[in-house]
Protein backbone atom coordinates (compact mmCIF):
# COMPACT_ATOMS: atom_id res chain seq x y z
CA MET A 1 -10.95 -4.11 -10.45
CA LEU A 2 -8.61 -6.16 -8.69
CA ARG A 3 -5.59 -4.13 -8.74
CA ARG A 4 -4.08 -2.97 -5.95
CA LEU A 5 -4.99 0.32 -4.96
CA ARG A 6 -2.21 3.03 -3.93
CA ARG A 7 -3.59 5.79 -1.35
CA PRO A 8 -4.31 9.10 -2.87
CA ALA A 9 -1.29 10.69 -2.28
CA LEU A 10 1.03 8.21 -1.88
CA VAL A 11 4.08 8.51 -4.18
CA LEU A 12 6.18 5.47 -4.32
CA VAL A 13 5.73 5.74 -7.85
CA PRO A 14 5.25 9.07 -8.38
CA VAL A 15 2.98 10.45 -11.52
CA LEU A 16 4.88 12.93 -13.77
CA LEU A 17 2.74 15.55 -15.54
CA ALA A 18 3.65 16.81 -18.38
CA ALA A 19 4.16 20.33 -17.43
CA SER A 20 7.07 21.79 -15.96
CA LEU A 21 6.82 23.45 -12.49
CA THR A 22 8.78 26.29 -11.34
CA ALA A 23 9.88 26.54 -8.07
CA CYS A 24 7.63 29.16 -5.54
CA GLY A 25 6.18 29.22 -2.20
CA ASP A 26 6.35 31.57 0.97
CA ASP A 27 7.84 31.01 4.43
CA GLU A 28 4.08 30.14 6.02
CA GLY A 29 5.05 27.14 8.07
CA GLY A 30 8.55 28.38 8.56
CA SER A 31 10.31 29.03 11.87
CA GLY A 32 13.56 30.05 13.18
CA ALA A 33 15.63 32.61 10.56
CA ALA A 34 15.52 33.48 7.29
CA GLY A 35 18.35 32.01 5.10
CA ASP A 36 19.17 28.78 3.26
CA PHE A 37 20.52 25.90 4.97
CA GLU A 38 21.85 22.67 3.76
CA ARG A 39 20.30 19.17 4.50
CA LEU A 40 19.09 18.26 8.07
CA ASP A 41 20.72 21.88 9.15
CA ALA A 42 17.72 23.58 7.91
CA VAL A 43 15.43 21.51 10.51
CA GLU A 44 15.37 20.09 13.83
CA VAL A 45 13.62 16.27 13.93
CA THR A 46 12.26 14.57 17.41
CA GLY A 47 9.72 12.21 18.40
CA ASP A 48 9.58 8.43 18.62
CA ILE A 49 9.74 5.92 16.13
CA GLY A 50 6.13 5.02 15.54
CA GLU A 51 4.71 8.43 15.89
CA GLN A 52 4.26 11.27 13.93
CA PRO A 53 7.76 13.16 13.91
CA LYS A 54 7.98 16.55 15.40
CA VAL A 55 9.87 18.56 12.36
CA GLU A 56 11.15 22.38 12.97
CA TRP A 57 12.30 24.26 10.51
CA LYS A 58 15.19 26.55 10.85
CA GLY A 59 15.09 28.08 7.27
CA VAL A 60 14.91 26.96 3.54
CA MET A 61 16.39 23.51 2.79
CA GLU A 62 18.84 23.42 0.13
CA ALA A 63 19.68 19.82 -1.77
CA GLY A 64 21.34 18.58 -4.79
CA ASP A 65 21.74 14.48 -5.08
CA ILE A 66 19.83 12.24 -3.03
CA GLU A 67 21.48 11.40 0.66
CA ALA A 68 19.99 9.28 3.57
CA ASP A 69 20.96 9.87 6.77
CA THR A 70 19.99 7.54 9.90
CA VAL A 71 18.85 10.21 12.54
CA VAL A 72 17.89 7.26 15.04
CA GLU A 73 19.66 3.98 14.51
CA GLY A 74 17.00 0.79 15.59
CA ASP A 75 18.41 -2.28 16.84
CA GLY A 76 16.38 -4.79 15.22
CA ASP A 77 18.45 -6.85 12.42
CA GLU A 78 19.68 -5.30 9.37
CA LEU A 79 17.44 -5.23 6.58
CA ALA A 80 18.58 -7.30 3.56
CA ASP A 81 17.32 -7.72 -0.06
CA GLY A 82 14.07 -9.26 -0.81
CA ASP A 83 12.98 -8.39 3.13
CA LYS A 84 9.51 -6.43 3.27
CA VAL A 85 9.28 -3.67 6.14
CA VAL A 86 6.31 -1.95 7.70
CA THR A 87 6.90 2.00 7.49
CA HIS A 88 5.64 5.43 8.15
CA ILE A 89 6.56 7.61 5.81
CA TRP A 90 6.77 11.73 6.31
CA ILE A 91 7.60 14.05 3.59
CA GLY A 92 8.01 17.71 3.76
CA ASN A 93 8.94 20.64 1.13
CA GLY A 94 12.19 22.16 1.97
CA TYR A 95 11.44 25.34 -0.07
CA THR A 96 7.79 26.15 1.44
CA LYS A 97 8.87 24.14 4.92
CA THR A 98 5.82 22.68 5.12
CA LYS A 99 4.72 19.11 5.59
CA ALA A 100 3.69 17.55 2.58
CA TYR A 101 2.35 14.06 3.15
CA SER A 102 2.17 11.87 6.28
CA THR A 103 0.69 8.10 6.61
CA TYR A 104 -0.15 9.16 10.17
CA ASP A 105 -2.74 11.49 9.45
CA ASP A 106 -6.12 10.19 8.73
CA GLY A 107 -5.92 7.03 10.83
CA GLY A 108 -1.93 6.49 10.59
CA GLN A 109 -2.22 3.43 7.33
CA PRO A 110 1.73 2.12 7.21
CA GLN A 111 2.97 1.69 4.11
CA THR A 112 5.10 -1.85 3.36
CA LEU A 113 8.03 -1.72 1.17
CA GLU A 114 10.30 -4.26 0.08
CA VAL A 115 14.18 -3.84 -0.28
CA GLY A 116 15.51 -3.86 -3.63
CA SER A 117 11.99 -3.52 -5.59
CA ASP A 118 10.99 -1.12 -8.35
CA LEU A 119 10.87 1.79 -5.58
CA ALA A 120 11.81 5.69 -6.35
CA PRO A 121 15.71 6.13 -5.42
CA ILE A 122 14.38 8.66 -2.39
CA PHE A 123 12.78 5.74 -0.94
CA ALA A 124 15.13 2.82 -1.91
CA GLU A 125 18.02 5.20 -0.35
CA ALA A 126 15.81 5.04 2.87
CA LEU A 127 15.84 1.53 3.33
CA GLU A 128 19.47 0.29 2.76
CA GLY A 129 22.08 -1.22 4.30
CA GLN A 130 19.02 0.10 7.12
CA THR A 131 17.75 -1.93 10.59
CA ILE A 132 14.53 -1.89 11.72
CA GLY A 133 13.27 0.17 14.33
CA SER A 134 15.34 3.27 12.23
CA ARG A 135 13.97 6.66 11.55
CA VAL A 136 15.62 7.58 8.23
CA ALA A 137 15.89 11.15 6.99
CA VAL A 138 16.43 11.62 2.75
CA THR A 139 17.24 14.60 1.13
CA ALA A 140 17.40 15.74 -2.56
CA SER A 141 16.06 18.57 -4.31
CA ALA A 142 12.54 17.64 -6.30
CA GLU A 143 13.98 16.90 -9.28
CA GLU A 144 16.06 13.86 -8.43
CA ALA A 145 13.38 12.73 -5.78
CA PHE A 146 10.49 12.92 -8.11
CA GLY A 147 11.94 13.62 -11.68
CA GLU A 148 12.02 17.05 -13.72
CA VAL A 149 8.73 18.37 -12.92
CA GLY A 150 8.88 17.55 -8.87
CA ASN A 151 5.47 16.04 -7.66
CA PRO A 152 2.14 18.39 -8.25
CA GLN A 153 0.35 15.95 -6.52
CA LEU A 154 2.21 17.17 -3.15
CA ASN A 155 2.69 20.42 -4.39
CA ILE A 156 6.44 20.04 -4.82
CA ALA A 157 7.53 21.98 -7.52
CA ASN A 158 10.56 21.15 -9.47
CA GLN A 159 13.46 23.67 -8.02
CA ASP A 160 12.09 22.78 -4.37
CA SER A 161 14.02 20.62 -2.09
CA VAL A 162 12.57 17.43 -0.30
CA LEU A 163 12.86 15.62 3.05
CA VAL A 164 11.59 12.52 3.37
CA LEU A 165 11.44 10.76 6.74
CA VAL A 166 10.95 7.27 6.86
CA ASP A 167 10.66 5.29 10.36
CA LEU A 168 11.29 1.72 9.70
CA VAL A 169 8.68 -0.08 12.36
CA GLU A 170 8.52 -3.46 11.94
CA GLU A 171 9.61 -6.57 9.75
CA PHE A 172 6.70 -7.53 7.22
CA GLU A 173 4.93 -10.43 8.81
CA PRO A 174 2.22 -11.35 5.84
CA PRO A 175 -1.45 -12.11 7.17
CA ALA A 176 -2.55 -15.35 7.22
CA PRO A 177 -5.66 -16.60 6.12
CA LYS A 178 -8.05 -18.24 8.53
CA ASP A 179 -9.88 -21.26 7.35
CA VAL A 180 -13.12 -21.37 8.26
CA PRO A 181 -16.35 -23.55 7.88
CA ALA A 182 -19.30 -22.55 5.36
CA SER A 183 -21.50 -21.57 8.04
CA GLN A 184 -19.18 -18.83 8.67
CA MET A 185 -19.51 -17.76 4.93
CA PRO A 186 -22.16 -16.71 2.14
CA GLY A 187 -23.89 -19.14 0.11
CA ILE A 188 -23.16 -19.42 -3.56
CA VAL A 189 -25.88 -18.83 -6.04
CA PHE A 190 -25.96 -21.07 -9.29
CA GLY A 191 -27.21 -19.32 -12.74
CA PRO A 192 -28.25 -22.18 -15.72
CA LYS A 193 -25.26 -22.71 -16.65
CA GLY A 194 -24.01 -23.78 -13.38
CA ASP A 195 -21.99 -20.79 -12.48
CA PRO A 196 -22.01 -18.69 -9.42
CA VAL A 197 -23.64 -15.44 -10.02
CA ARG A 198 -23.99 -13.99 -6.90
CA LEU A 199 -23.66 -14.42 -3.25
CA ARG A 200 -26.26 -15.26 -0.43
CA PHE A 201 -25.68 -13.25 3.10
CA LYS A 202 -28.58 -14.04 4.52
CA GLY A 203 -27.79 -15.68 8.18
CA LEU A 204 -24.27 -13.62 7.89
CA PRO A 205 -23.80 -11.05 10.33
CA LYS A 206 -22.66 -8.05 9.25
CA PRO A 207 -18.61 -7.79 9.05
CA GLU A 208 -16.59 -5.70 11.48
CA ALA A 209 -14.12 -3.04 9.84
CA ASP A 210 -11.05 -4.93 11.34
CA GLY A 211 -12.06 -8.69 10.67
CA GLU A 212 -9.52 -11.33 9.67
CA LEU A 213 -8.96 -12.18 6.38
CA LEU A 214 -11.17 -15.60 5.90
CA ARG A 215 -11.16 -18.63 3.50
CA HIS A 216 -13.54 -21.50 2.84
CA VAL A 217 -12.18 -23.76 0.49
CA VAL A 218 -15.53 -25.43 -1.12
CA ARG A 219 -13.58 -27.70 -3.71
CA GLU A 220 -10.07 -29.17 -3.44
CA GLY A 221 -8.17 -29.29 -6.86
CA LYS A 222 -5.54 -31.38 -7.13
CA GLY A 223 -3.12 -29.16 -9.04
CA LYS A 224 0.05 -27.19 -7.95
CA THR A 225 0.06 -25.40 -5.01
CA VAL A 226 -0.55 -21.61 -5.39
CA THR A 227 2.45 -19.32 -3.91
CA GLU A 228 2.26 -15.55 -3.41
CA ASP A 229 4.63 -15.34 -6.15
CA SER A 230 2.36 -17.54 -8.48
CA THR A 231 0.96 -15.68 -12.06
CA ILE A 232 -2.79 -17.36 -12.07
CA LYS A 233 -5.54 -17.40 -14.14
CA ALA A 234 -9.00 -17.72 -12.17
CA ASP A 235 -13.05 -17.02 -12.61
CA TYR A 236 -14.13 -15.06 -10.01
CA LEU A 237 -17.37 -13.23 -8.50
CA GLY A 238 -16.87 -10.47 -6.12
CA MET A 239 -19.94 -8.73 -3.94
CA THR A 240 -20.20 -6.57 -0.49
CA TYR A 241 -22.34 -7.19 2.05
CA GLY A 242 -25.89 -7.12 1.69
CA ALA A 243 -25.22 -6.01 -2.05
CA GLY A 244 -28.10 -7.03 -4.65
CA LYS A 245 -25.46 -8.14 -7.11
CA PRO A 246 -21.90 -8.23 -8.04
CA PHE A 247 -19.50 -5.23 -8.15
CA ASP A 248 -17.62 -7.48 -11.04
CA GLU A 249 -17.31 -11.54 -12.14
CA SER A 250 -15.68 -13.10 -14.91
CA PHE A 251 -17.98 -16.12 -14.89
CA SER A 252 -19.82 -14.75 -17.98
CA LYS A 253 -16.74 -12.93 -19.60
CA GLN A 254 -12.97 -14.10 -19.50
CA PRO A 255 -11.16 -15.52 -16.88
CA LEU A 256 -8.43 -12.94 -15.10
CA GLU A 257 -4.71 -14.02 -15.41
CA SER A 258 -2.19 -11.74 -13.28
CA PRO A 259 0.47 -12.36 -11.07
CA LEU A 260 -1.04 -11.96 -7.62
CA GLN A 261 1.27 -9.57 -6.18
CA GLY A 262 -0.37 -6.61 -8.89
CA LEU A 263 -3.93 -7.71 -7.06
CA VAL A 264 -5.56 -7.02 -3.59
CA PRO A 265 -3.69 -8.04 -1.04
CA GLY A 266 -6.65 -10.19 0.30
CA TRP A 267 -6.37 -12.48 -2.52
CA THR A 268 -2.50 -12.19 -2.53
CA TYR A 269 -2.26 -13.83 0.87
CA GLY A 270 -5.97 -15.67 0.97
CA LEU A 271 -4.83 -17.79 -2.61
CA SER A 272 -1.18 -18.86 -0.77
CA GLY A 273 -0.98 -22.58 -0.29
CA VAL A 274 -4.50 -23.23 -2.37
CA LYS A 275 -4.41 -25.99 -5.57
CA VAL A 276 -5.32 -25.38 -8.66
CA GLY A 277 -8.59 -26.53 -9.52
CA SER A 278 -9.72 -25.56 -5.96
CA ARG A 279 -12.76 -23.02 -5.46
CA VAL A 280 -12.36 -20.91 -2.73
CA LEU A 281 -14.61 -18.37 -0.95
CA LEU A 282 -12.71 -15.25 0.36
CA SER A 283 -14.17 -12.67 2.72
CA ILE A 284 -11.24 -10.06 2.59
CA PRO A 285 -11.09 -7.13 5.57
CA PRO A 286 -10.87 -3.36 4.13
CA ASP A 287 -7.19 -3.09 5.02
CA LEU A 288 -6.20 -5.87 2.63
CA GLY A 289 -8.67 -4.87 -0.08
CA TYR A 290 -9.39 -0.94 -0.77
CA GLY A 291 -9.02 0.43 2.45
CA ASP A 292 -10.82 3.65 3.18
CA GLN A 293 -11.15 4.47 -0.69
CA ALA A 294 -14.31 4.13 -2.19
CA GLN A 295 -13.48 2.26 -5.67
CA GLY A 296 -16.70 1.56 -8.34
CA GLU A 297 -19.53 0.28 -6.99
CA ILE A 298 -17.84 -0.85 -4.16
CA PRO A 299 -18.08 1.75 -0.93
CA ALA A 300 -15.10 2.83 1.33
CA GLY A 301 -13.95 0.55 4.26
CA SER A 302 -15.97 -2.44 2.43
CA THR A 303 -15.12 -5.72 3.25
CA LEU A 304 -15.08 -7.73 -0.47
CA TYR A 305 -16.65 -11.28 -0.19
CA PHE A 306 -15.06 -13.57 -3.60
CA VAL A 307 -16.07 -16.93 -4.70
CA LEU A 308 -13.47 -17.97 -7.17
CA ASP A 309 -12.13 -20.65 -9.25
CA ILE A 310 -8.59 -21.59 -9.92
CA ILE A 311 -7.54 -22.52 -13.33
CA SER A 312 -4.10 -22.94 -13.64
CA ALA A 313 -0.67 -21.15 -11.39
CA LYS A 314 2.75 -20.51 -13.05
């Protein structure tokens, strides 16, 4: 329940299906003369960084191995291994000459990528040696980009070609939680055994969709300090505003043990700096939770509320 979710069309770690696809498509959405063009000769890319790129196709794109070209060179810092950068991503099918995916669509949610992390090679190539503020174009065959079946989720067959545009918008600044008094958080209702069984929202205003990450340390522990890179063991209970019951909890089961980096970002940043042995209340806005995706009993766009007991960290 608490694992990080990827947006529906996000392909940083592509899903490869068992069946193989063959290239198919037509010229719908294409413009200009017929014929094949080598890589970026097939397109004209215009527009400002941070805005939906304008891509005009001259014909079918041919591409083999993964190659990266800097379309616009930014004047920011050069990215180094381990740096995180806020990006916008546009993906096009070079055979059908159509847009397959764009983070600029549907509200424009950017993606944070880390240099040197376990990214698909076509995205890793877009970051290596680049500077903040750049627009990078990566071209490849679909098989080289996504594997032997291409990417069925994006309607990109294995014999198609792929154009990926990555805007390196800004260096990622991790959100810092705002420590608030208990009056700004829900109350905790305890069961017969003394464990939390639900949260009480009476008197608490309905959260804003663009709210802050809020934290209240109910009881401070004396153990080691949790960091973003910690693997923690914790008991937790989570609810959405006004819900009658928790959407998930571990107090009646087994504690959760997981790297913080593998959980919803609100946990990663909200628990960083907390000491082992603490009991913490978190209010996590949608963009640090599950965003615009419904998840089980959690409606899309929900602020998530948690009470957590941090048992250990390593």
